[in-house]
């Protein structure tokens, strides 16, 4: 809610409104202008109705904001969120798009290191890989757990890359934070609110993947849960939504969602064409499309021997193909970054 105070509202009247909001669990942003004082309140409107606030002395108007995601909205924060890591890597804003690559599942250290070295050679910043794998069937490979996390930490330390891996349960958070630089919330957990709240209370950046059937509003509201619980470092990830026609692609790669979210939200957003298409030959064109419409990064599955991969081998790039594609993606992202920075300079 937005509460606009009368021009002649006293400090005591303003404070009474703020106190009432806080008593009812609202998060408050307070701005005193030359004419009006505006109070931006986020919380459960069922505990304190707009009518009750309107009845307070000094209140001119109570507005209900149409979009329910408030902290993620550009209304709250017009400038882009930029997430910076200790090694100087930045995601968001006018920074060059980042590249996150690695196998779907971490299977062994030697193979992972081979991928990590190729990623480093091609200028990538992040090594990604699954230690805990949410699978549709209980008979499919479920991941190697903490041993896999040890592998990715060791490979990343050897190559100077940052680590990304999926957390599936809040009980694993403390253990994962010992190994992982960026926690990932997978598509199946986008409405696992207990997990969203838990990563909201930790100090690690979070990649939030779009749910299999999530609308853009639902996607941003999932991010809102993390932000509301105190973690401002959320990276959205468009990874495709479920299709009625899966004969040719694994999901529908919603490219339009990227500029839409850029318009609505200040949060950075990356694209995952591996899960978005499920087809090796579609990864490059869809990655390019994502970069052209403004994605802040690309996540690509790469495996040293996709034919023997324990999961998602069909959509994983072999290392030689990865290097060829990355060469072209680097050229494109470099050109787009130059154009973006030039445009920003001209605007200023």
C-alpha atoms as a PDB file:
ATOM      1  CA  UNK A   1       0.000   0.000   0.000  1.00  0.00           C
ATOM      2  CA  UNK A   2       0.990   3.609  -0.565  1.00  0.00           C
ATOM      3  CA  UNK A   3      -0.213   6.040   2.125  1.00  0.00           C
ATOM      4  CA  UNK A   4      -0.113   9.704   1.111  1.00  0.00           C
ATOM      5  CA  UNK A   5      -0.300  12.137   4.008  1.00  0.00           C
ATOM      6  CA  UNK A   6      -1.966  15.545   3.866  1.00  0.00           C
ATOM      7  CA  UNK A   7       0.405  18.466   3.119  1.00  0.00           C
ATOM      8  CA  UNK A   8      -0.228  19.805   6.637  1.00  0.00           C
ATOM      9  CA  UNK A   9       0.019  16.440   8.392  1.00  0.00           C
ATOM     10  CA  UNK A  10       2.077  16.703  11.572  1.00  0.00           C
ATOM     11  CA  UNK A  11       5.057  14.538  12.482  1.00  0.00           C
ATOM     12  CA  UNK A  12       2.941  12.968  15.226  1.00  0.00           C
ATOM     13  CA  UNK A  13       0.212  12.012  12.735  1.00  0.00           C
ATOM     14  CA  UNK A  14       2.762  10.493  10.373  1.00  0.00           C
ATOM     15  CA  UNK A  15       4.367   8.588  13.215  1.00  0.00           C
ATOM     16  CA  UNK A  16       0.991   7.232  14.356  1.00  0.00           C
ATOM     17  CA  UNK A  17       0.425   5.756  10.881  1.00  0.00           C
ATOM     18  CA  UNK A  18       3.922   4.257  10.831  1.00  0.00           C
ATOM     19  CA  UNK A  19       3.542   2.765  14.306  1.00  0.00           C
ATOM     20  CA  UNK A  20       0.223   1.171  13.399  1.00  0.00           C
ATOM     21  CA  UNK A  21       1.680  -0.335  10.244  1.00  0.00           C
ATOM     22  CA  UNK A  22       4.672  -1.748  12.084  1.00  0.00           C
ATOM     23  CA  UNK A  23       2.436  -3.175  14.825  1.00  0.00           C
ATOM     24  CA  UNK A  24       0.646  -5.123  12.096  1.00  0.00           C
ATOM     25  CA  UNK A  25       3.846  -6.507  10.579  1.00  0.00           C
ATOM     26  CA  UNK A  26       4.304  -4.137   7.638  1.00  0.00           C
ATOM     27  CA  UNK A  27       7.696  -3.309   6.160  1.00  0.00           C
ATOM     28  CA  UNK A  28       7.937   0.483   5.839  1.00  0.00           C
ATOM     29  CA  UNK A  29       9.642   2.894   3.451  1.00  0.00           C
ATOM     30  CA  UNK A  30       9.142   6.534   4.449  1.00  0.00           C
ATOM     31  CA  UNK A  31       9.812   9.585   2.288  1.00  0.00           C
ATOM     32  CA  UNK A  32       9.120  13.181   3.270  1.00  0.00           C
ATOM     33  CA  UNK A  33       8.797  15.440   0.228  1.00  0.00           C
ATOM     34  CA  UNK A  34       8.416  19.179  -0.080  1.00  0.00           C
ATOM     35  CA  UNK A  35       4.625  18.894  -0.168  1.00  0.00           C
ATOM     36  CA  UNK A  36       3.588  15.335   0.621  1.00  0.00           C
ATOM     37  CA  UNK A  37       4.883  12.646   2.929  1.00  0.00           C
ATOM     38  CA  UNK A  38       4.583   9.192   1.367  1.00  0.00           C
ATOM     39  CA  UNK A  39       4.659   5.901   3.271  1.00  0.00           C
ATOM     40  CA  UNK A  40       5.239   2.749   1.235  1.00  0.00           C
ATOM     41  CA  UNK A  41       3.999  -0.273   3.210  1.00  0.00           C
ATOM     42  CA  UNK A  42       4.433  -3.947   2.355  1.00  0.00           C
ATOM     43  CA  UNK A  43       2.544  -6.581   4.292  1.00  0.00           C
ATOM     44  CA  UNK A  44      -0.667  -8.527   4.752  1.00  0.00           C
ATOM     45  CA  UNK A  45      -3.596  -6.226   3.946  1.00  0.00           C
ATOM     46  CA  UNK A  46      -5.966  -8.545   5.809  1.00  0.00           C
ATOM     47  CA  UNK A  47      -4.408  -7.470   9.129  1.00  0.00           C
ATOM     48  CA  UNK A  48      -4.843  -3.759   8.449  1.00  0.00           C
ATOM     49  CA  UNK A  49      -7.374  -2.604   5.869  1.00  0.00           C
ATOM     50  CA  UNK A  50      -7.029   0.553   3.740  1.00  0.00           C
ATOM     51  CA  UNK A  51     -10.292   1.844   5.249  1.00  0.00           C
ATOM     52  CA  UNK A  52      -8.842   1.718   8.728  1.00  0.00           C
ATOM     53  CA  UNK A  53      -5.770   3.668   7.603  1.00  0.00           C
ATOM     54  CA  UNK A  54      -7.886   6.216   5.737  1.00  0.00           C
ATOM     55  CA  UNK A  55      -9.714   7.008   8.965  1.00  0.00           C
ATOM     56  CA  UNK A  56      -6.534   8.206  10.679  1.00  0.00           C
ATOM     57  CA  UNK A  57      -5.995  11.952  11.000  1.00  0.00           C
ATOM     58  CA  UNK A  58      -3.597  13.401   8.459  1.00  0.00           C
ATOM     59  CA  UNK A  59      -4.072  10.644   5.873  1.00  0.00           C
ATOM     60  CA  UNK A  60      -4.997  12.036   2.448  1.00  0.00           C
ATOM     61  CA  UNK A  61      -5.194   8.843   0.409  1.00  0.00           C
ATOM     62  CA  UNK A  62      -4.423   5.115   0.579  1.00  0.00           C
ATOM     63  CA  UNK A  63      -3.536   3.484  -2.716  1.00  0.00           C
ATOM     64  CA  UNK A  64      -3.427  -0.233  -3.397  1.00  0.00           C
ATOM     65  CA  UNK A  65      -0.618  -0.997  -5.822  1.00  0.00           C
ATOM     66  CA  UNK A  66      -1.855  -3.174  -8.664  1.00  0.00           C
ATOM     67  CA  UNK A  67       1.199  -5.424  -8.888  1.00  0.00           C
ATOM     68  CA  UNK A  68       1.621  -7.475  -5.714  1.00  0.00           C
ATOM     69  CA  UNK A  69       5.408  -7.792  -6.024  1.00  0.00           C
ATOM     70  CA  UNK A  70       6.660  -4.634  -4.371  1.00  0.00           C
ATOM     71  CA  UNK A  71      10.308  -5.114  -3.444  1.00  0.00           C
ATOM     72  CA  UNK A  72      11.087  -6.663  -6.838  1.00  0.00           C
ATOM     73  CA  UNK A  73       9.324  -3.834  -8.661  1.00  0.00           C
ATOM     74  CA  UNK A  74      10.922  -0.872 -10.411  1.00  0.00           C
ATOM     75  CA  UNK A  75       8.380   1.267  -8.577  1.00  0.00           C
ATOM     76  CA  UNK A  76      10.401   0.593  -5.439  1.00  0.00           C
ATOM     77  CA  UNK A  77      13.872   0.578  -7.045  1.00  0.00           C
ATOM     78  CA  UNK A  78      14.090   2.206 -10.497  1.00  0.00           C
ATOM     79  CA  UNK A  79      17.779   1.432 -11.025  1.00  0.00           C
ATOM     80  CA  UNK A  80      19.014  -2.072 -11.929  1.00  0.00           C
ATOM     81  CA  UNK A  81      20.228  -4.323  -9.144  1.00  0.00           C
ATOM     82  CA  UNK A  82      23.880  -5.254  -9.651  1.00  0.00           C
ATOM     83  CA  UNK A  83      25.226  -8.256  -7.742  1.00  0.00           C
ATOM     84  CA  UNK A  84      28.976  -8.168  -7.175  1.00  0.00           C
ATOM     85  CA  UNK A  85      31.182 -11.047  -6.047  1.00  0.00           C
ATOM     86  CA  UNK A  86      34.423 -10.958  -4.102  1.00  0.00           C
ATOM     87  CA  UNK A  87      36.491 -11.665  -7.240  1.00  0.00           C
ATOM     88  CA  UNK A  88      35.017  -8.640  -9.049  1.00  0.00           C
ATOM     89  CA  UNK A  89      32.424 -10.455 -11.204  1.00  0.00           C
ATOM     90  CA  UNK A  90      29.200  -8.469 -11.556  1.00  0.00           C
ATOM     91  CA  UNK A  91      25.727  -9.459 -12.760  1.00  0.00           C
ATOM     92  CA  UNK A  92      23.141  -6.926 -13.881  1.00  0.00           C
ATOM     93  CA  UNK A  93      22.997  -3.328 -14.987  1.00  0.00           C
ATOM     94  CA  UNK A  94      25.359  -2.304 -17.773  1.00  0.00           C
ATOM     95  CA  UNK A  95      27.810  -5.111 -17.045  1.00  0.00           C
ATOM     96  CA  UNK A  96      28.763  -7.643 -19.701  1.00  0.00           C
ATOM     97  CA  UNK A  97      26.595 -10.804 -19.629  1.00  0.00           C
ATOM     98  CA  UNK A  98      28.022 -13.629 -17.536  1.00  0.00           C
ATOM     99  CA  UNK A  99      28.323 -17.278 -18.557  1.00  0.00           C
ATOM    100  CA  UNK A 100      27.453 -20.196 -16.267  1.00  0.00           C
ATOM    101  CA  UNK A 101      28.400 -23.623 -17.614  1.00  0.00           C
ATOM    102  CA  UNK A 102      28.781 -27.177 -16.408  1.00  0.00           C
ATOM    103  CA  UNK A 103      27.129 -30.593 -16.309  1.00  0.00           C
ATOM    104  CA  UNK A 104      23.584 -31.255 -15.231  1.00  0.00           C
ATOM    105  CA  UNK A 105      24.905 -33.628 -12.573  1.00  0.00           C
ATOM    106  CA  UNK A 106      28.350 -33.694 -10.997  1.00  0.00           C
ATOM    107  CA  UNK A 107      29.527 -37.241 -11.621  1.00  0.00           C
ATOM    108  CA  UNK A 108      33.284 -37.254 -10.936  1.00  0.00           C
ATOM    109  CA  UNK A 109      36.058 -34.781 -10.238  1.00  0.00           C
ATOM    110  CA  UNK A 110      38.201 -35.433 -13.322  1.00  0.00           C
ATOM    111  CA  UNK A 111      35.356 -34.871 -15.781  1.00  0.00           C
ATOM    112  CA  UNK A 112      34.156 -31.788 -13.936  1.00  0.00           C
ATOM    113  CA  UNK A 113      37.665 -30.317 -13.921  1.00  0.00           C
ATOM    114  CA  UNK A 114      37.899 -30.864 -17.670  1.00  0.00           C
ATOM    115  CA  UNK A 115      34.703 -28.850 -18.143  1.00  0.00           C
ATOM    116  CA  UNK A 116      35.877 -26.187 -15.681  1.00  0.00           C
ATOM    117  CA  UNK A 117      39.159 -25.686 -17.547  1.00  0.00           C
ATOM    118  CA  UNK A 118      37.290 -25.311 -20.845  1.00  0.00           C
ATOM    119  CA  UNK A 119      34.906 -22.817 -19.217  1.00  0.00           C
ATOM    120  CA  UNK A 120      37.802 -20.774 -17.875  1.00  0.00           C
ATOM    121  CA  UNK A 121      39.559 -20.849 -21.241  1.00  0.00           C
ATOM    122  CA  UNK A 122      36.446 -19.455 -22.926  1.00  0.00           C
ATOM    123  CA  UNK A 123      36.033 -16.607 -20.455  1.00  0.00           C
ATOM    124  CA  UNK A 124      33.161 -18.012 -18.379  1.00  0.00           C
ATOM    125  CA  UNK A 125      32.728 -16.870 -14.794  1.00  0.00           C
ATOM    126  CA  UNK A 126      30.688 -19.656 -13.167  1.00  0.00           C
ATOM    127  CA  UNK A 127      30.889 -23.436 -12.907  1.00  0.00           C
ATOM    128  CA  UNK A 128      27.476 -24.995 -12.378  1.00  0.00           C
ATOM    129  CA  UNK A 129      26.551 -28.561 -11.537  1.00  0.00           C
ATOM    130  CA  UNK A 130      23.943 -30.515  -9.621  1.00  0.00           C
ATOM    131  CA  UNK A 131      24.742 -32.363  -6.403  1.00  0.00           C
ATOM    132  CA  UNK A 132      21.113 -33.107  -5.525  1.00  0.00           C
ATOM    133  CA  UNK A 133      18.932 -33.853  -8.550  1.00  0.00           C
ATOM    134  CA  UNK A 134      15.131 -33.599  -8.395  1.00  0.00           C
ATOM    135  CA  UNK A 135      13.994 -36.327 -10.790  1.00  0.00           C
ATOM    136  CA  UNK A 136      10.508 -37.298 -11.900  1.00  0.00           C
ATOM    137  CA  UNK A 137      11.215 -40.978 -11.335  1.00  0.00           C
ATOM    138  CA  UNK A 138      12.635 -42.296  -8.035  1.00  0.00           C
ATOM    139  CA  UNK A 139      14.665 -44.782 -10.097  1.00  0.00           C
ATOM    140  CA  UNK A 140      16.639 -42.091 -11.916  1.00  0.00           C
ATOM    141  CA  UNK A 141      20.018 -40.797 -10.755  1.00  0.00           C
ATOM    142  CA  UNK A 142      19.553 -38.500  -7.757  1.00  0.00           C
ATOM    143  CA  UNK A 143      23.046 -36.987  -7.465  1.00  0.00           C
ATOM    144  CA  UNK A 144      26.074 -37.614  -5.254  1.00  0.00           C
ATOM    145  CA  UNK A 145      25.274 -35.056  -2.561  1.00  0.00           C
ATOM    146  CA  UNK A 146      28.071 -33.568  -0.492  1.00  0.00           C
ATOM    147  CA  UNK A 147      30.792 -35.485  -2.352  1.00  0.00           C
ATOM    148  CA  UNK A 148      29.696 -33.700  -5.528  1.00  0.00           C
ATOM    149  CA  UNK A 149      29.844 -30.351  -3.731  1.00  0.00           C
ATOM    150  CA  UNK A 150      33.418 -31.098  -2.707  1.00  0.00           C
ATOM    151  CA  UNK A 151      34.267 -31.811  -6.355  1.00  0.00           C
ATOM    152  CA  UNK A 152      32.796 -28.552  -7.644  1.00  0.00           C
ATOM    153  CA  UNK A 153      34.467 -26.496  -4.918  1.00  0.00           C
ATOM    154  CA  UNK A 154      37.852 -28.048  -5.687  1.00  0.00           C
ATOM    155  CA  UNK A 155      37.470 -27.609  -9.465  1.00  0.00           C
ATOM    156  CA  UNK A 156      36.327 -24.011  -9.036  1.00  0.00           C
ATOM    157  CA  UNK A 157      39.213 -23.178  -6.723  1.00  0.00           C
ATOM    158  CA  UNK A 158      41.672 -24.638  -9.212  1.00  0.00           C
ATOM    159  CA  UNK A 159      40.279 -22.589 -12.111  1.00  0.00           C
ATOM    160  CA  UNK A 160      39.187 -19.414 -10.335  1.00  0.00           C
ATOM    161  CA  UNK A 161      35.507 -19.860 -11.174  1.00  0.00           C
ATOM    162  CA  UNK A 162      32.487 -19.202  -8.949  1.00  0.00           C
ATOM    163  CA  UNK A 163      30.186 -22.113  -8.097  1.00  0.00           C
ATOM    164  CA  UNK A 164      26.466 -22.604  -8.712  1.00  0.00           C
ATOM    165  CA  UNK A 165      24.420 -25.564  -7.485  1.00  0.00           C
ATOM    166  CA  UNK A 166      20.792 -26.317  -6.682  1.00  0.00           C
ATOM    167  CA  UNK A 167      19.512 -26.506  -3.122  1.00  0.00           C
ATOM    168  CA  UNK A 168      16.450 -28.705  -2.688  1.00  0.00           C
ATOM    169  CA  UNK A 169      15.824 -28.567   1.037  1.00  0.00           C
ATOM    170  CA  UNK A 170      16.274 -25.915   3.709  1.00  0.00           C
ATOM    171  CA  UNK A 171      18.008 -28.478   5.920  1.00  0.00           C
ATOM    172  CA  UNK A 172      20.899 -28.624   3.410  1.00  0.00           C
ATOM    173  CA  UNK A 173      21.552 -24.866   3.359  1.00  0.00           C
ATOM    174  CA  UNK A 174      24.282 -24.628   5.988  1.00  0.00           C
ATOM    175  CA  UNK A 175      26.201 -27.492   4.428  1.00  0.00           C
ATOM    176  CA  UNK A 176      25.839 -26.139   0.878  1.00  0.00           C
ATOM    177  CA  UNK A 177      26.941 -22.647   1.843  1.00  0.00           C
ATOM    178  CA  UNK A 178      30.339 -24.096   2.747  1.00  0.00           C
ATOM    179  CA  UNK A 179      30.898 -25.006  -0.913  1.00  0.00           C
ATOM    180  CA  UNK A 180      28.643 -22.882  -3.119  1.00  0.00           C
ATOM    181  CA  UNK A 181      28.854 -19.212  -4.123  1.00  0.00           C
ATOM    182  CA  UNK A 182      25.382 -19.007  -5.706  1.00  0.00           C
ATOM    183  CA  UNK A 183      22.440 -21.124  -4.585  1.00  0.00           C
ATOM    184  CA  UNK A 184      19.954 -22.201  -7.227  1.00  0.00           C
ATOM    185  CA  UNK A 185      16.233 -22.762  -6.700  1.00  0.00           C
ATOM    186  CA  UNK A 186      14.990 -25.145  -9.378  1.00  0.00           C
ATOM    187  CA  UNK A 187      11.772 -24.900 -11.350  1.00  0.00           C
ATOM    188  CA  UNK A 188      10.053 -27.531  -9.199  1.00  0.00           C
ATOM    189  CA  UNK A 189      10.703 -25.521  -6.033  1.00  0.00           C
ATOM    190  CA  UNK A 190       9.629 -22.081  -7.205  1.00  0.00           C
ATOM    191  CA  UNK A 191       6.612 -22.276  -4.876  1.00  0.00           C
ATOM    192  CA  UNK A 192       8.333 -24.135  -2.059  1.00  0.00           C
ATOM    193  CA  UNK A 193       7.804 -21.171   0.233  1.00  0.00           C
ATOM    194  CA  UNK A 194       9.646 -22.645   3.201  1.00  0.00           C
ATOM    195  CA  UNK A 195      12.752 -23.006   1.027  1.00  0.00           C
ATOM    196  CA  UNK A 196      12.315 -19.519  -0.471  1.00  0.00           C
ATOM    197  CA  UNK A 197      12.108 -18.048   3.035  1.00  0.00           C
ATOM    198  CA  UNK A 198      15.198 -19.978   4.123  1.00  0.00           C
ATOM    199  CA  UNK A 199      17.395 -18.740   1.253  1.00  0.00           C
ATOM    200  CA  UNK A 200      15.966 -15.286   1.915  1.00  0.00           C
ATOM    201  CA  UNK A 201      17.580 -15.413   5.337  1.00  0.00           C
ATOM    202  CA  UNK A 202      21.028 -16.498   4.118  1.00  0.00           C
ATOM    203  CA  UNK A 203      23.716 -14.240   2.698  1.00  0.00           C
ATOM    204  CA  UNK A 204      24.332 -16.086  -0.570  1.00  0.00           C
ATOM    205  CA  UNK A 205      23.085 -14.831  -3.958  1.00  0.00           C
ATOM    206  CA  UNK A 206      20.222 -16.944  -5.314  1.00  0.00           C
ATOM    207  CA  UNK A 207      19.341 -17.971  -8.866  1.00  0.00           C
ATOM    208  CA  UNK A 208      15.578 -18.475  -9.031  1.00  0.00           C
ATOM    209  CA  UNK A 209      14.386 -20.501 -12.010  1.00  0.00           C
ATOM    210  CA  UNK A 210      10.944 -19.930 -13.454  1.00  0.00           C
ATOM    211  CA  UNK A 211       8.445 -22.645 -12.605  1.00  0.00           C
ATOM    212  CA  UNK A 212       7.280 -25.104 -15.241  1.00  0.00           C
ATOM    213  CA  UNK A 213       3.880 -23.404 -15.436  1.00  0.00           C
ATOM    214  CA  UNK A 214       4.557 -20.097 -13.684  1.00  0.00           C
ATOM    215  CA  UNK A 215       3.169 -16.861 -15.034  1.00  0.00           C
ATOM    216  CA  UNK A 216       5.513 -13.883 -14.990  1.00  0.00           C
ATOM    217  CA  UNK A 217       3.621 -12.469 -12.011  1.00  0.00           C
ATOM    218  CA  UNK A 218       3.944 -15.761 -10.090  1.00  0.00           C
ATOM    219  CA  UNK A 219       7.649 -15.859 -10.970  1.00  0.00           C
ATOM    220  CA  UNK A 220       8.233 -12.376  -9.584  1.00  0.00           C
ATOM    221  CA  UNK A 221       6.170 -13.152  -6.491  1.00  0.00           C
ATOM    222  CA  UNK A 222       8.426 -16.138  -5.800  1.00  0.00           C
ATOM    223  CA  UNK A 223      11.366 -13.733  -5.951  1.00  0.00           C
ATOM    224  CA  UNK A 224       9.428 -11.437  -3.625  1.00  0.00           C
ATOM    225  CA  UNK A 225       9.428 -14.135  -0.940  1.00  0.00           C
ATOM    226  CA  UNK A 226      13.234 -14.212  -1.008  1.00  0.00           C
ATOM    227  CA  UNK A 227      13.556 -10.424  -1.039  1.00  0.00           C
ATOM    228  CA  UNK A 228      10.993  -9.956   1.719  1.00  0.00           C
ATOM    229  CA  UNK A 229      12.986 -12.269   3.971  1.00  0.00           C
ATOM    230  CA  UNK A 230      16.068 -10.081   3.641  1.00  0.00           C
ATOM    231  CA  UNK A 231      18.146 -11.337   0.706  1.00  0.00           C
ATOM    232  CA  UNK A 232      18.414  -8.648  -2.014  1.00  0.00           C
ATOM    233  CA  UNK A 233      20.699 -10.694  -4.286  1.00  0.00           C
ATOM    234  CA  UNK A 234      18.231 -12.564  -6.492  1.00  0.00           C
ATOM    235  CA  UNK A 235      19.007 -13.545 -10.083  1.00  0.00           C
ATOM    236  CA  UNK A 236      15.993 -14.642 -12.111  1.00  0.00           C
ATOM    237  CA  UNK A 237      16.364 -17.399 -14.710  1.00  0.00           C
ATOM    238  CA  UNK A 238      14.068 -17.985 -17.687  1.00  0.00           C
ATOM    239  CA  UNK A 239      14.313 -21.712 -18.431  1.00  0.00           C
ATOM    240  CA  UNK A 240      11.181 -22.305 -20.458  1.00  0.00           C
ATOM    241  CA  UNK A 241       7.638 -23.219 -19.469  1.00  0.00           C
ATOM    242  CA  UNK A 242       5.744 -26.439 -20.054  1.00  0.00           C
ATOM    243  CA  UNK A 243       4.345 -26.908 -23.548  1.00  0.00           C
ATOM    244  CA  UNK A 244       1.379 -28.837 -24.912  1.00  0.00           C
ATOM    245  CA  UNK A 245       3.705 -29.845 -27.795  1.00  0.00           C
ATOM    246  CA  UNK A 246       6.897 -31.549 -26.608  1.00  0.00           C
ATOM    247  CA  UNK A 247       7.654 -33.316 -29.885  1.00  0.00           C
ATOM    248  CA  UNK A 248      10.418 -30.901 -30.852  1.00  0.00           C
ATOM    249  CA  UNK A 249      11.397 -28.931 -27.735  1.00  0.00           C
ATOM    250  CA  UNK A 250      11.474 -29.808 -24.057  1.00  0.00           C
ATOM    251  CA  UNK A 251       9.773 -26.533 -23.047  1.00  0.00           C
ATOM    252  CA  UNK A 252       8.610 -23.244 -24.546  1.00  0.00           C
ATOM    253  CA  UNK A 253      11.515 -20.799 -24.374  1.00  0.00           C
ATOM    254  CA  UNK A 254       9.739 -17.575 -23.409  1.00  0.00           C
ATOM    255  CA  UNK A 255      12.147 -15.012 -24.838  1.00  0.00           C
ATOM    256  CA  UNK A 256       9.599 -12.193 -24.436  1.00  0.00           C
ATOM    257  CA  UNK A 257       9.640 -12.745 -20.658  1.00  0.00           C
ATOM    258  CA  UNK A 258      13.116 -11.205 -20.471  1.00  0.00           C
ATOM    259  CA  UNK A 259      12.244  -7.672 -21.684  1.00  0.00           C
ATOM    260  CA  UNK A 260       8.911  -7.865 -19.849  1.00  0.00           C
ATOM    261  CA  UNK A 261      10.694  -8.607 -16.569  1.00  0.00           C
ATOM    262  CA  UNK A 262      13.297  -5.941 -17.338  1.00  0.00           C
ATOM    263  CA  UNK A 263      10.425  -3.468 -17.603  1.00  0.00           C
ATOM    264  CA  UNK A 264       8.700  -4.615 -14.411  1.00  0.00           C
ATOM    265  CA  UNK A 265      11.646  -5.452 -12.171  1.00  0.00           C
ATOM    266  CA  UNK A 266      15.140  -4.247 -11.299  1.00  0.00           C
ATOM    267  CA  UNK A 267      16.423  -7.801 -10.739  1.00  0.00           C
ATOM    268  CA  UNK A 268      18.955  -9.309 -13.170  1.00  0.00           C
ATOM    269  CA  UNK A 269      17.721 -12.172 -15.346  1.00  0.00           C
ATOM    270  CA  UNK A 270      19.639 -14.895 -17.159  1.00  0.00           C
ATOM    271  CA  UNK A 271      18.524 -17.467 -19.718  1.00  0.00           C
ATOM    272  CA  UNK A 272      18.905 -21.276 -19.691  1.00  0.00           C
ATOM    273  CA  UNK A 273      18.460 -22.521 -23.269  1.00  0.00           C
ATOM    274  CA  UNK A 274      19.559 -26.062 -22.329  1.00  0.00           C
ATOM    275  CA  UNK A 275      16.451 -26.711 -20.235  1.00  0.00           C
ATOM    276  CA  UNK A 276      14.423 -24.300 -22.326  1.00  0.00           C
ATOM    277  CA  UNK A 277      14.774 -26.392 -25.468  1.00  0.00           C
ATOM    278  CA  UNK A 278      16.227 -29.772 -24.484  1.00  0.00           C
ATOM    279  CA  UNK A 279      17.927 -29.882 -27.870  1.00  0.00           C
ATOM    280  CA  UNK A 280      21.641 -29.371 -28.422  1.00  0.00           C
ATOM    281  CA  UNK A 281      21.234 -27.670 -31.795  1.00  0.00           C
ATOM    282  CA  UNK A 282      18.845 -25.070 -30.364  1.00  0.00           C
ATOM    283  CA  UNK A 283      21.099 -23.886 -27.538  1.00  0.00           C
ATOM    284  CA  UNK A 284      23.131 -21.417 -29.605  1.00  0.00           C
ATOM    285  CA  UNK A 285      20.256 -19.643 -31.404  1.00  0.00           C
ATOM    286  CA  UNK A 286      18.192 -19.341 -28.238  1.00  0.00           C
ATOM    287  CA  UNK A 287      21.172 -18.130 -26.204  1.00  0.00           C
ATOM    288  CA  UNK A 288      21.772 -15.462 -28.855  1.00  0.00           C
ATOM    289  CA  UNK A 289      18.106 -14.484 -28.809  1.00  0.00           C
ATOM    290  CA  UNK A 290      18.213 -14.129 -25.027  1.00  0.00           C
ATOM    291  CA  UNK A 291      21.298 -11.929 -25.150  1.00  0.00           C
ATOM    292  CA  UNK A 292      19.805  -9.726 -27.861  1.00  0.00           C
ATOM    293  CA  UNK A 293      16.662  -9.024 -25.826  1.00  0.00           C
ATOM    294  CA  UNK A 294      18.670  -8.119 -22.728  1.00  0.00           C
ATOM    295  CA  UNK A 295      19.547 -11.210 -20.670  1.00  0.00           C
ATOM    296  CA  UNK A 296      22.265 -10.585 -18.089  1.00  0.00           C
ATOM    297  CA  UNK A 297      23.780 -14.008 -18.605  1.00  0.00           C
ATOM    298  CA  UNK A 298      23.466 -17.487 -20.086  1.00  0.00           C
ATOM    299  CA  UNK A 299      23.457 -20.868 -18.343  1.00  0.00           C
ATOM    300  CA  UNK A 300      24.511 -23.799 -20.540  1.00  0.00           C
ATOM    301  CA  UNK A 301      24.906 -27.479 -19.749  1.00  0.00           C
ATOM    302  CA  UNK A 302      28.301 -28.851 -20.813  1.00  0.00           C
ATOM    303  CA  UNK A 303      29.596 -32.392 -20.309  1.00  0.00           C
ATOM    304  CA  UNK A 304      32.918 -33.985 -21.158  1.00  0.00           C
ATOM    305  CA  UNK A 305      31.098 -37.003 -22.638  1.00  0.00           C
ATOM    306  CA  UNK A 306      27.369 -36.349 -23.113  1.00  0.00           C
ATOM    307  CA  UNK A 307      26.699 -39.845 -24.443  1.00  0.00           C
ATOM    308  CA  UNK A 308      27.604 -41.243 -21.019  1.00  0.00           C
ATOM    309  CA  UNK A 309      26.014 -38.480 -18.915  1.00  0.00           C
ATOM    310  CA  UNK A 310      23.841 -39.723 -16.054  1.00  0.00           C
ATOM    311  CA  UNK A 311      21.286 -36.974 -16.721  1.00  0.00           C
ATOM    312  CA  UNK A 312      20.386 -34.573 -19.556  1.00  0.00           C
ATOM    313  CA  UNK A 313      23.057 -35.799 -21.962  1.00  0.00           C
ATOM    314  CA  UNK A 314      20.841 -34.977 -24.944  1.00  0.00           C
ATOM    315  CA  UNK A 315      20.858 -31.267 -24.153  1.00  0.00           C
ATOM    316  CA  UNK A 316      24.479 -31.056 -22.970  1.00  0.00           C
ATOM    317  CA  UNK A 317      27.188 -29.667 -25.221  1.00  0.00           C
ATOM    318  CA  UNK A 318      30.403 -31.672 -25.694  1.00  0.00           C
ATOM    319  CA  UNK A 319      33.460 -29.566 -24.943  1.00  0.00           C
ATOM    320  CA  UNK A 320      34.596 -28.982 -28.581  1.00  0.00           C
ATOM    321  CA  UNK A 321      31.105 -27.803 -29.573  1.00  0.00           C
ATOM    322  CA  UNK A 322      30.891 -25.683 -26.437  1.00  0.00           C
ATOM    323  CA  UNK A 323      34.115 -23.878 -27.346  1.00  0.00           C
ATOM    324  CA  UNK A 324      32.883 -23.135 -30.873  1.00  0.00           C
ATOM    325  CA  UNK A 325      29.536 -21.810 -29.612  1.00  0.00           C
ATOM    326  CA  UNK A 326      31.120 -19.812 -26.785  1.00  0.00           C
ATOM    327  CA  UNK A 327      33.426 -18.117 -29.279  1.00  0.00           C
ATOM    328  CA  UNK A 328      30.420 -16.816 -31.162  1.00  0.00           C
ATOM    329  CA  UNK A 329      28.463 -15.952 -27.996  1.00  0.00           C
ATOM    330  CA  UNK A 330      31.448 -14.005 -26.670  1.00  0.00           C
ATOM    331  CA  UNK A 331      31.571 -11.972 -29.875  1.00  0.00           C
ATOM    332  CA  UNK A 332      27.854 -11.231 -29.685  1.00  0.00           C
ATOM    333  CA  UNK A 333      27.822 -10.359 -25.986  1.00  0.00           C
ATOM    334  CA  UNK A 334      30.881  -8.132 -26.453  1.00  0.00           C
ATOM    335  CA  UNK A 335      29.186  -6.220 -29.265  1.00  0.00           C
ATOM    336  CA  UNK A 336      25.914  -5.905 -27.348  1.00  0.00           C
ATOM    337  CA  UNK A 337      27.750  -4.720 -24.245  1.00  0.00           C
ATOM    338  CA  UNK A 338      29.584  -2.065 -26.255  1.00  0.00           C
ATOM    339  CA  UNK A 339      26.320  -0.821 -27.769  1.00  0.00           C
ATOM    340  CA  UNK A 340      24.655  -0.781 -24.347  1.00  0.00           C
ATOM    341  CA  UNK A 341      27.429   1.194 -22.687  1.00  0.00           C
ATOM    342  CA  UNK A 342      27.566   3.641 -25.595  1.00  0.00           C
ATOM    343  CA  UNK A 343      23.816   4.190 -25.334  1.00  0.00           C
ATOM    344  CA  UNK A 344      24.099   4.785 -21.575  1.00  0.00           C
ATOM    345  CA  UNK A 345      26.917   7.258 -22.129  1.00  0.00           C
ATOM    346  CA  UNK A 346      24.880   9.169 -24.714  1.00  0.00           C
ATOM    347  CA  UNK A 347      21.868   9.309 -22.383  1.00  0.00           C
ATOM    348  CA  UNK A 348      23.998  10.724 -19.597  1.00  0.00           C
END
